[in-house]
Amino acid sequence: MLEKTPVEFDKVDRALHMLKGNSASVGAYKVVTEVNRMRDLIEEKNPESCNATYEQLKKEHDVLKGKMEAYLQLLKEAEAAEKPSQGGGGGGGGDDEDPMSGTESS
């Protein structure tokens, strides 16, 4: 959106507002800080400064993305490690089986 001429600052600001909320909700405060800087520059309607700040925002977003991907991979591995200990004995039914009747519960 910053590459279009003229720059539609209102659209950029709306997108940044959503990114700020999403980032804050997961504790990504470095991203939030860069979004706030960029939103301040948008008020000044200065595309050159916005582009420079956008580059820093992309860097912080890439760092966050890498951390989130590593976290999700660890979570997936932890869930996979827990599966063999769950289930309780060979019928393949696991938690869906009613222990009193030997049939699946609904």
N, C-alpha and C. Protein backbone atom coordinates (compact mmCIF):
# COMPACT_ATOMS: atom_id res chain seq x y z
N MET A 1 0.81 -1.20 0.00
CA MET A 1 0.00 0.00 0.00
C MET A 1 0.86 1.27 0.00
N LEU A 2 2.08 1.15 0.56
CA LEU A 2 2.95 2.33 0.59
C LEU A 2 3.56 2.64 -0.77
N GLU A 3 3.53 1.66 -1.67
CA GLU A 3 4.13 1.87 -2.99
C GLU A 3 3.18 2.54 -3.97
N LYS A 4 1.90 2.56 -3.65
CA LYS A 4 0.93 3.20 -4.55
C LYS A 4 1.08 4.72 -4.48
N THR A 5 0.78 5.35 -5.59
CA THR A 5 0.79 6.81 -5.62
C THR A 5 -0.58 7.28 -6.02
N PRO A 6 -1.23 8.09 -5.28
CA PRO A 6 -0.83 8.56 -3.95
C PRO A 6 -1.06 7.47 -2.89
N VAL A 7 -0.29 7.55 -1.82
CA VAL A 7 -0.43 6.59 -0.72
C VAL A 7 -1.77 6.82 -0.04
N GLU A 8 -2.49 5.73 0.17
CA GLU A 8 -3.77 5.81 0.88
C GLU A 8 -3.50 5.58 2.36
N PHE A 9 -3.14 6.67 3.05
CA PHE A 9 -2.71 6.59 4.43
C PHE A 9 -3.79 6.01 5.35
N ASP A 10 -5.05 6.28 5.03
CA ASP A 10 -6.13 5.73 5.87
C ASP A 10 -6.16 4.21 5.83
N LYS A 11 -5.97 3.63 4.65
CA LYS A 11 -5.95 2.17 4.53
C LYS A 11 -4.74 1.57 5.25
N VAL A 12 -3.60 2.22 5.10
CA VAL A 12 -2.39 1.75 5.78
C VAL A 12 -2.61 1.79 7.29
N ASP A 13 -3.18 2.86 7.77
CA ASP A 13 -3.42 3.01 9.21
C ASP A 13 -4.38 1.94 9.73
N ARG A 14 -5.42 1.63 8.96
CA ARG A 14 -6.36 0.57 9.40
C ARG A 14 -5.66 -0.78 9.49
N ALA A 15 -4.82 -1.08 8.51
CA ALA A 15 -4.08 -2.35 8.53
C ALA A 15 -3.13 -2.39 9.73
N LEU A 16 -2.46 -1.27 9.99
CA LEU A 16 -1.56 -1.21 11.13
C LEU A 16 -2.31 -1.34 12.45
N HIS A 17 -3.48 -0.77 12.51
CA HIS A 17 -4.30 -0.86 13.73
C HIS A 17 -4.62 -2.33 14.04
N MET A 18 -4.98 -3.10 13.02
CA MET A 18 -5.26 -4.52 13.23
C MET A 18 -4.00 -5.28 13.64
N LEU A 19 -2.87 -4.98 12.99
CA LEU A 19 -1.61 -5.62 13.33
C LEU A 19 -1.22 -5.30 14.77
N LYS A 20 -1.46 -4.08 15.17
CA LYS A 20 -1.13 -3.67 16.55
C LYS A 20 -1.95 -4.48 17.55
N GLY A 21 -3.23 -4.60 17.32
CA GLY A 21 -4.09 -5.36 18.23
C GLY A 21 -3.71 -6.82 18.30
N ASN A 22 -3.47 -7.42 17.14
CA ASN A 22 -3.08 -8.83 17.10
C ASN A 22 -1.73 -9.05 17.78
N SER A 23 -0.80 -8.15 17.55
CA SER A 23 0.53 -8.28 18.14
C SER A 23 0.47 -8.10 19.65
N ALA A 24 -0.30 -7.15 20.09
CA ALA A 24 -0.43 -6.92 21.54
C ALA A 24 -1.06 -8.13 22.22
N SER A 25 -1.99 -8.78 21.54
CA SER A 25 -2.68 -9.91 22.16
C SER A 25 -1.76 -11.11 22.40
N VAL A 26 -0.64 -11.19 21.67
CA VAL A 26 0.31 -12.29 21.90
C VAL A 26 1.58 -11.80 22.58
N GLY A 27 1.59 -10.55 23.01
CA GLY A 27 2.74 -10.02 23.75
C GLY A 27 3.92 -9.62 22.88
N ALA A 28 3.68 -9.33 21.62
CA ALA A 28 4.75 -8.95 20.69
C ALA A 28 4.95 -7.43 20.76
N TYR A 29 5.54 -6.97 21.85
CA TYR A 29 5.60 -5.54 22.10
C TYR A 29 6.60 -4.81 21.22
N LYS A 30 7.62 -5.50 20.69
CA LYS A 30 8.53 -4.84 19.76
C LYS A 30 7.80 -4.52 18.45
N VAL A 31 6.93 -5.43 18.02
CA VAL A 31 6.12 -5.17 16.83
C VAL A 31 5.17 -4.01 17.10
N VAL A 32 4.54 -4.02 18.27
CA VAL A 32 3.61 -2.94 18.64
C VAL A 32 4.34 -1.60 18.63
N THR A 33 5.56 -1.56 19.15
CA THR A 33 6.34 -0.32 19.19
C THR A 33 6.58 0.21 17.78
N GLU A 34 6.97 -0.68 16.87
CA GLU A 34 7.22 -0.26 15.49
C GLU A 34 5.93 0.18 14.80
N VAL A 35 4.83 -0.49 15.09
CA VAL A 35 3.54 -0.08 14.53
C VAL A 35 3.19 1.32 15.02
N ASN A 36 3.39 1.58 16.30
CA ASN A 36 3.10 2.91 16.84
C ASN A 36 3.95 3.99 16.17
N ARG A 37 5.23 3.69 15.95
CA ARG A 37 6.11 4.65 15.25
C ARG A 37 5.58 4.94 13.86
N MET A 38 5.20 3.87 13.19
CA MET A 38 4.72 4.04 11.81
C MET A 38 3.40 4.80 11.77
N ARG A 39 2.53 4.52 12.72
CA ARG A 39 1.25 5.25 12.75
C ARG A 39 1.47 6.74 13.01
N ASP A 40 2.47 7.07 13.83
CA ASP A 40 2.80 8.49 14.06
C ASP A 40 3.27 9.14 12.75
N LEU A 41 4.07 8.42 11.96
CA LEU A 41 4.54 8.97 10.70
C LEU A 41 3.41 9.09 9.68
N ILE A 42 2.46 8.20 9.76
CA ILE A 42 1.31 8.27 8.85
C ILE A 42 0.53 9.55 9.11
N GLU A 43 0.43 9.95 10.37
CA GLU A 43 -0.26 11.21 10.68
C GLU A 43 0.43 12.39 10.00
N GLU A 44 1.76 12.28 9.85
CA GLU A 44 2.52 13.35 9.18
C GLU A 44 2.45 13.22 7.66
N LYS A 45 1.88 12.10 7.17
CA LYS A 45 1.76 11.83 5.74
C LYS A 45 3.12 11.91 5.04
N ASN A 46 4.08 11.19 5.61
CA ASN A 46 5.44 11.18 5.10
C ASN A 46 5.79 9.78 4.62
N PRO A 47 5.60 9.49 3.32
CA PRO A 47 5.84 8.14 2.82
C PRO A 47 7.29 7.67 2.93
N GLU A 48 8.27 8.57 2.80
CA GLU A 48 9.67 8.16 2.88
C GLU A 48 9.99 7.64 4.28
N SER A 49 9.58 8.36 5.29
CA SER A 49 9.82 7.92 6.67
C SER A 49 9.03 6.65 6.97
N CYS A 50 7.84 6.54 6.43
CA CYS A 50 7.03 5.33 6.62
C CYS A 50 7.74 4.11 6.05
N ASN A 51 8.35 4.26 4.89
CA ASN A 51 9.06 3.14 4.27
C ASN A 51 10.23 2.68 5.13
N ALA A 52 10.98 3.61 5.69
CA ALA A 52 12.11 3.24 6.55
C ALA A 52 11.62 2.52 7.80
N THR A 53 10.57 3.02 8.40
CA THR A 53 10.02 2.39 9.59
C THR A 53 9.40 1.05 9.26
N TYR A 54 8.82 0.94 8.07
CA TYR A 54 8.23 -0.33 7.63
C TYR A 54 9.30 -1.42 7.55
N GLU A 55 10.50 -1.06 7.11
CA GLU A 55 11.58 -2.05 7.04
C GLU A 55 11.91 -2.59 8.44
N GLN A 56 11.93 -1.73 9.44
CA GLN A 56 12.19 -2.17 10.81
C GLN A 56 11.02 -3.01 11.32
N LEU A 57 9.81 -2.62 10.97
CA LEU A 57 8.63 -3.39 11.36
C LEU A 57 8.69 -4.80 10.77
N LYS A 58 9.10 -4.91 9.51
CA LYS A 58 9.23 -6.23 8.88
C LYS A 58 10.26 -7.08 9.61
N LYS A 59 11.37 -6.48 10.04
CA LYS A 59 12.39 -7.23 10.77
C LYS A 59 11.83 -7.77 12.08
N GLU A 60 11.13 -6.93 12.81
CA GLU A 60 10.55 -7.36 14.09
C GLU A 60 9.50 -8.44 13.86
N HIS A 61 8.74 -8.29 12.79
CA HIS A 61 7.72 -9.30 12.46
C HIS A 61 8.38 -10.63 12.11
N ASP A 62 9.47 -10.59 11.38
CA ASP A 62 10.19 -11.82 11.02
C ASP A 62 10.74 -12.52 12.27
N VAL A 63 11.26 -11.74 13.21
CA VAL A 63 11.75 -12.33 14.47
C VAL A 63 10.59 -13.00 15.21
N LEU A 64 9.47 -12.30 15.29
CA LEU A 64 8.28 -12.86 15.96
C LEU A 64 7.83 -14.13 15.26
N LYS A 65 7.78 -14.10 13.95
CA LYS A 65 7.35 -15.27 13.18
C LYS A 65 8.25 -16.47 13.47
N GLY A 66 9.55 -16.25 13.49
CA GLY A 66 10.49 -17.32 13.79
C GLY A 66 10.26 -17.90 15.18
N LYS A 67 10.03 -17.04 16.15
CA LYS A 67 9.78 -17.51 17.52
C LYS A 67 8.47 -18.28 17.61
N MET A 68 7.45 -17.79 16.93
CA MET A 68 6.15 -18.47 16.95
C MET A 68 6.24 -19.83 16.27
N GLU A 69 6.94 -19.91 15.16
CA GLU A 69 7.11 -21.19 14.47
C GLU A 69 7.85 -22.19 15.35
N ALA A 70 8.91 -21.73 16.05
CA ALA A 70 9.65 -22.62 16.95
C ALA A 70 8.76 -23.08 18.09
N TYR A 71 7.96 -22.16 18.64
CA TYR A 71 7.04 -22.51 19.73
C TYR A 71 6.02 -23.54 19.27
N LEU A 72 5.44 -23.33 18.10
CA LEU A 72 4.43 -24.27 17.60
C LEU A 72 5.03 -25.63 17.31
N GLN A 73 6.28 -25.66 16.84
CA GLN A 73 6.95 -26.93 16.60
C GLN A 73 7.17 -27.66 17.92
N LEU A 74 7.61 -26.96 18.95
CA LEU A 74 7.79 -27.58 20.27
C LEU A 74 6.46 -28.09 20.82
N LEU A 75 5.42 -27.33 20.62
CA LEU A 75 4.10 -27.75 21.07
C LEU A 75 3.66 -29.02 20.36
N LYS A 76 3.89 -29.08 19.07
CA LYS A 76 3.54 -30.26 18.28
C LYS A 76 4.34 -31.47 18.78
N GLU A 77 5.62 -31.29 19.05
CA GLU A 77 6.46 -32.38 19.54
C GLU A 77 6.00 -32.84 20.93
N ALA A 78 5.63 -31.90 21.78
CA ALA A 78 5.15 -32.27 23.11
C ALA A 78 3.86 -33.05 23.03
N GLU A 79 2.96 -32.65 22.15
CA GLU A 79 1.70 -33.37 21.98
C GLU A 79 1.95 -34.78 21.45
N ALA A 80 2.90 -34.91 20.52
CA ALA A 80 3.22 -36.22 19.97
C ALA A 80 3.84 -37.12 21.04
N ALA A 81 4.64 -36.55 21.93
CA ALA A 81 5.28 -37.33 22.99
C ALA A 81 4.25 -37.80 24.02
N GLU A 82 3.17 -37.06 24.19
CA GLU A 82 2.13 -37.43 25.16
C GLU A 82 1.23 -38.53 24.64
N LYS A 83 1.05 -38.66 23.36
CA LYS A 83 0.10 -39.62 22.79
C LYS A 83 0.33 -41.05 23.24
N PRO A 84 1.55 -41.59 23.23
CA PRO A 84 1.71 -42.98 23.65
C PRO A 84 1.32 -43.23 25.10
N SER A 85 1.46 -42.23 25.95
CA SER A 85 1.11 -42.42 27.35
C SER A 85 -0.39 -42.32 27.58
N GLN A 86 -1.13 -41.81 26.63
CA GLN A 86 -2.58 -41.75 26.73
C GLN A 86 -3.18 -42.99 26.10
N GLY A 87 -4.41 -43.24 26.29
CA GLY A 87 -5.06 -44.35 25.62
C GLY A 87 -5.38 -45.49 26.56
N GLY A 88 -4.49 -46.03 27.29
CA GLY A 88 -4.78 -47.01 28.30
C GLY A 88 -5.01 -48.41 27.81
N GLY A 89 -4.43 -48.86 26.88
CA GLY A 89 -4.39 -50.28 26.65
C GLY A 89 -4.83 -50.76 25.35
N GLY A 90 -4.70 -50.99 24.46
CA GLY A 90 -4.84 -51.53 23.18
C GLY A 90 -6.14 -51.47 22.52
N GLY A 91 -7.19 -51.10 22.59
CA GLY A 91 -8.34 -51.19 21.73
C GLY A 91 -8.38 -50.12 20.70
N GLY A 92 -7.47 -49.19 20.70
CA GLY A 92 -7.48 -48.17 19.69
C GLY A 92 -8.54 -47.12 19.91
N GLY A 93 -9.48 -47.37 20.85
CA GLY A 93 -10.56 -46.42 21.08
C GLY A 93 -10.16 -45.28 21.96
N GLY A 94 -9.29 -45.49 22.90
CA GLY A 94 -8.83 -44.42 23.76
C GLY A 94 -9.95 -43.81 24.57
N ASP A 95 -10.06 -42.51 24.54
CA ASP A 95 -11.02 -41.79 25.36
C ASP A 95 -12.45 -41.92 24.88
N ASP A 96 -12.68 -42.41 23.65
CA ASP A 96 -14.03 -42.50 23.13
C ASP A 96 -14.76 -43.75 23.61
N GLU A 97 -14.06 -44.63 24.28
CA GLU A 97 -14.69 -45.87 24.72
C GLU A 97 -15.31 -45.70 26.09
N ASP A 98 -16.50 -46.22 26.29
CA ASP A 98 -17.16 -46.21 27.59
C ASP A 98 -16.58 -47.37 28.40
N PRO A 99 -15.87 -47.09 29.51
CA PRO A 99 -15.21 -48.17 30.24
C PRO A 99 -16.20 -49.16 30.85
N MET A 100 -17.42 -48.77 31.07
CA MET A 100 -18.39 -49.67 31.69
C MET A 100 -18.99 -50.65 30.69
N SER A 101 -19.18 -50.25 29.48
CA SER A 101 -19.85 -51.14 28.52
C SER A 101 -18.94 -51.68 27.44
N GLY A 102 -17.76 -51.06 27.28
CA GLY A 102 -16.88 -51.51 26.22
C GLY A 102 -17.30 -50.98 24.86
N THR A 103 -18.25 -50.04 24.80
CA THR A 103 -18.68 -49.46 23.53
C THR A 103 -18.31 -48.00 23.50
N GLU A 104 -18.36 -47.44 22.34
CA GLU A 104 -18.05 -46.02 22.20
C GLU A 104 -19.15 -45.18 22.79
N SER A 105 -18.74 -44.10 23.47
CA SER A 105 -19.74 -43.16 23.99
C SER A 105 -20.05 -42.13 22.94
N SER A 106 -21.23 -41.50 23.03
CA SER A 106 -21.60 -40.53 22.02
C SER A 106 -21.60 -39.14 22.55
